[in-house]
Amino acid sequence: MEDMSFEILEAVRDTYDDKTESSNELIAKCMFYLYHTYDNDMLRQGCVEIMNYLNYCIQCGLKMQYYQWEENRPIGAEILGCYDCPNCNSEVFM
């Protein structure tokens, strides 16, 4: 049987994506469900990429928060930041 992982992910995104926060939340819930229900590696990797893009945690499904800080370097200060899950601390660096 042919792997339809890409087509499934595209169908979910195309069906629900209207660029609003509620549609992003619905897409994230679908990706969370697919990730935790199926063991197809290609499908799961696609779910991780979409969840990271939408800034939702793949482990618990919560919206990640952006944290920003400044680090001093020999050539001057550098502003760094990352998205972090307030529930389980899985990080996706920008």
Protein backbone atom coordinates (compact mmCIF):
# COMPACT_ATOMS: atom_id res chain seq x y z
CA MET A 1 0.00 0.00 0.00
CA GLU A 2 1.28 3.44 -0.95
CA ASP A 3 2.27 5.84 1.86
CA MET A 4 -0.26 8.69 1.92
CA SER A 5 1.23 10.55 4.90
CA PHE A 6 1.95 13.75 3.00
CA GLU A 7 -1.53 13.79 1.47
CA ILE A 8 -3.18 13.28 4.87
CA LEU A 9 -1.24 16.16 6.42
CA GLU A 10 -1.99 18.42 3.45
CA ALA A 11 -5.69 17.55 3.59
CA VAL A 12 -5.92 18.48 7.27
CA ARG A 13 -4.02 21.72 6.75
CA ASP A 14 -5.96 22.72 3.63
CA THR A 15 -9.33 21.86 5.15
CA TYR A 16 -8.94 23.80 8.40
CA ASP A 17 -6.39 26.54 7.66
CA ASP A 18 -8.05 29.95 7.53
CA LYS A 19 -5.14 31.77 9.27
CA THR A 20 -6.95 32.23 12.59
CA GLU A 21 -5.86 31.10 16.03
CA SER A 22 -8.89 28.80 16.34
CA SER A 23 -8.04 27.06 13.06
CA ASN A 24 -4.41 26.67 14.17
CA GLU A 25 -5.63 25.12 17.41
CA LEU A 26 -7.82 22.67 15.49
CA ILE A 27 -4.96 21.73 13.16
CA ALA A 28 -2.71 21.23 16.21
CA LYS A 29 -5.30 18.94 17.82
CA CYS A 30 -5.49 16.87 14.62
CA MET A 31 -1.67 16.63 14.40
CA PHE A 32 -1.49 15.69 18.09
CA TYR A 33 -4.06 12.94 17.51
CA LEU A 34 -2.32 11.58 14.40
CA TYR A 35 1.10 11.66 16.09
CA HIS A 36 -0.05 9.75 19.15
CA THR A 37 -2.31 7.30 17.30
CA TYR A 38 -0.20 6.07 14.37
CA ASP A 39 3.34 4.69 14.24
CA ASN A 40 4.15 5.70 10.66
CA ASP A 41 7.47 7.57 10.88
CA MET A 42 6.79 9.84 7.89
CA LEU A 43 3.38 10.83 9.23
CA ARG A 44 4.76 11.47 12.71
CA GLN A 45 7.65 13.58 11.37
CA GLY A 46 5.19 15.66 9.37
CA CYS A 47 3.06 16.15 12.49
CA VAL A 48 6.12 17.32 14.43
CA GLU A 49 7.04 19.83 11.71
CA ILE A 50 3.51 21.27 11.57
CA MET A 51 3.25 21.45 15.36
CA ASN A 52 6.61 23.23 15.53
CA TYR A 53 5.50 25.66 12.81
CA LEU A 54 2.30 26.42 14.75
CA ASN A 55 4.22 26.55 18.08
CA TYR A 56 2.32 23.75 19.80
CA CYS A 57 3.97 21.08 21.93
CA ILE A 58 3.92 17.61 20.34
CA GLN A 59 4.10 15.90 23.74
CA CYS A 60 1.12 17.53 25.49
CA GLY A 61 -0.61 19.64 22.80
CA LEU A 62 -0.37 23.00 24.61
CA LYS A 63 0.56 26.28 22.92
CA MET A 64 4.23 27.03 23.51
CA GLN A 65 5.38 30.37 24.89
CA TYR A 66 8.19 32.48 23.45
CA TYR A 67 10.98 33.38 25.85
CA GLN A 68 13.61 35.96 24.98
CA TRP A 69 16.85 36.87 26.77
CA GLU A 70 20.04 38.78 26.17
CA GLU A 71 23.52 37.27 26.35
CA ASN A 72 26.66 39.35 26.47
CA ARG A 73 29.31 38.42 23.92
CA PRO A 74 32.79 39.86 23.31
CA ILE A 75 31.43 41.76 20.28
CA GLY A 76 28.30 42.97 22.08
CA ALA A 77 24.97 41.78 23.38
CA GLU A 78 23.04 39.15 21.46
CA ILE A 79 19.30 38.70 21.84
CA LEU A 80 18.27 35.04 21.86
CA GLY A 81 14.89 33.37 22.15
CA CYS A 82 13.09 30.06 22.02
CA TYR A 83 9.64 28.56 22.23
CA ASP A 84 9.14 26.47 25.33
CA CYS A 85 6.20 24.40 26.54
CA PRO A 86 5.00 25.70 29.89
CA ASN A 87 3.87 22.15 30.76
CA CYS A 88 6.73 19.86 29.76
CA ASN A 89 9.67 22.12 28.71
CA SER A 90 10.14 20.75 25.19
CA GLU A 91 12.02 23.46 23.33
CA VAL A 92 11.91 24.52 19.69
CA PHE A 93 14.61 27.08 19.05
CA MET A 94 14.10 29.88 16.58
